[in-house]
Amino acid sequence: MAASIFGNETLDISVNDIEALKNKLDYMDRNKLVRSFSKTRDPIELAFEHIDNAPLNKLAHEFLKDIFVDAVCFISKVL
């Protein structure tokens, strides 16, 4: 028997049974979609991981820079 490009999941379906083949391929697509979403990570989790792995002096520098820019923007709006 020839190897299937879809792996072993479609070997039990006859090519003549188009409806069964369509149902099986639809089922495989849904499972692939669910598996791909289950492997993704939350963006918040990635952000906190980045913060945890960053050196403290870099975080402090970025924090002070952001505060300075915000203060300048606030003062320019008030004046």
Protein backbone atom coordinates (compact mmCIF):
# COMPACT_ATOMS: atom_id res chain seq x y z
CA MET A 1 0.00 0.00 0.00
CA ALA A 2 1.31 3.46 -0.89
CA ALA A 3 2.13 5.91 1.88
CA SER A 4 -0.43 8.61 2.52
CA ILE A 5 0.65 12.24 2.58
CA PHE A 6 -1.72 12.67 5.55
CA GLY A 7 -0.03 10.00 7.64
CA ASN A 8 -1.77 6.92 8.99
CA GLU A 9 -5.00 8.76 9.84
CA THR A 10 -6.47 8.40 6.34
CA LEU A 11 -5.27 4.92 5.45
CA ASP A 12 -8.55 3.34 6.61
CA ILE A 13 -10.66 5.39 4.14
CA SER A 14 -11.30 4.37 0.57
CA VAL A 15 -10.68 7.02 -2.08
CA ASN A 16 -14.02 6.05 -3.62
CA ASP A 17 -15.85 7.08 -0.43
CA ILE A 18 -15.55 10.84 -0.97
CA GLU A 19 -17.90 11.86 1.87
CA ALA A 20 -15.98 9.80 4.45
CA LEU A 21 -12.71 11.21 3.18
CA LYS A 22 -14.06 14.77 3.41
CA ASN A 23 -15.34 14.17 6.96
CA LYS A 24 -12.02 12.67 8.04
CA LEU A 25 -10.01 15.57 6.56
CA ASP A 26 -12.35 18.11 8.19
CA TYR A 27 -11.89 16.31 11.51
CA MET A 28 -8.11 16.39 11.09
CA ASP A 29 -8.21 20.13 10.30
CA ARG A 30 -10.23 20.87 13.45
CA ASN A 31 -7.84 18.80 15.58
CA LYS A 32 -4.82 20.52 14.04
CA LEU A 33 -6.37 23.92 14.80
CA VAL A 34 -7.07 22.95 18.41
CA ARG A 35 -3.56 21.56 18.85
CA SER A 36 -1.97 24.67 17.37
CA PHE A 37 -3.91 26.93 19.76
CA SER A 38 -3.09 24.74 22.75
CA LYS A 39 0.63 25.19 22.02
CA THR A 40 0.48 29.00 21.89
CA ARG A 41 1.43 31.08 24.89
CA ASP A 42 -0.35 34.06 26.39
CA PRO A 43 1.24 37.40 25.36
CA ILE A 44 1.12 38.59 28.98
CA GLU A 45 3.09 35.53 30.02
CA LEU A 46 5.70 36.28 27.32
CA ALA A 47 5.94 39.91 28.48
CA PHE A 48 6.52 38.91 32.10
CA GLU A 49 9.07 36.32 31.03
CA HIS A 50 10.93 39.03 29.09
CA ILE A 51 10.87 41.32 32.13
CA ASP A 52 12.07 38.51 34.41
CA ASN A 53 14.99 37.73 32.10
CA ALA A 54 16.05 41.35 31.49
CA PRO A 55 18.90 42.84 33.54
CA LEU A 56 17.76 45.16 36.33
CA ASN A 57 19.82 48.15 35.15
CA LYS A 58 18.20 47.94 31.68
CA LEU A 59 14.71 47.82 33.21
CA ALA A 60 15.50 50.77 35.47
CA HIS A 61 16.89 52.76 32.53
CA GLU A 62 13.78 52.09 30.39
CA PHE A 63 11.50 52.93 33.32
CA LEU A 64 13.21 56.27 34.00
CA LYS A 65 13.24 57.11 30.29
CA ASP A 66 9.49 56.43 30.02
CA ILE A 67 8.76 58.55 33.11
CA PHE A 68 10.85 61.42 31.75
CA VAL A 69 9.08 61.33 28.35
CA ASP A 70 5.68 61.19 30.06
CA ALA A 71 6.60 64.12 32.33
CA VAL A 72 7.76 66.23 29.36
CA CYS A 73 4.53 65.45 27.45
CA PHE A 74 2.43 66.34 30.49
CA ILE A 75 4.25 69.62 31.09
CA SER A 76 3.99 70.58 27.40
CA LYS A 77 0.22 69.97 27.47
CA VAL A 78 -0.23 72.02 30.66
CA LEU A 79 1.77 74.98 29.39
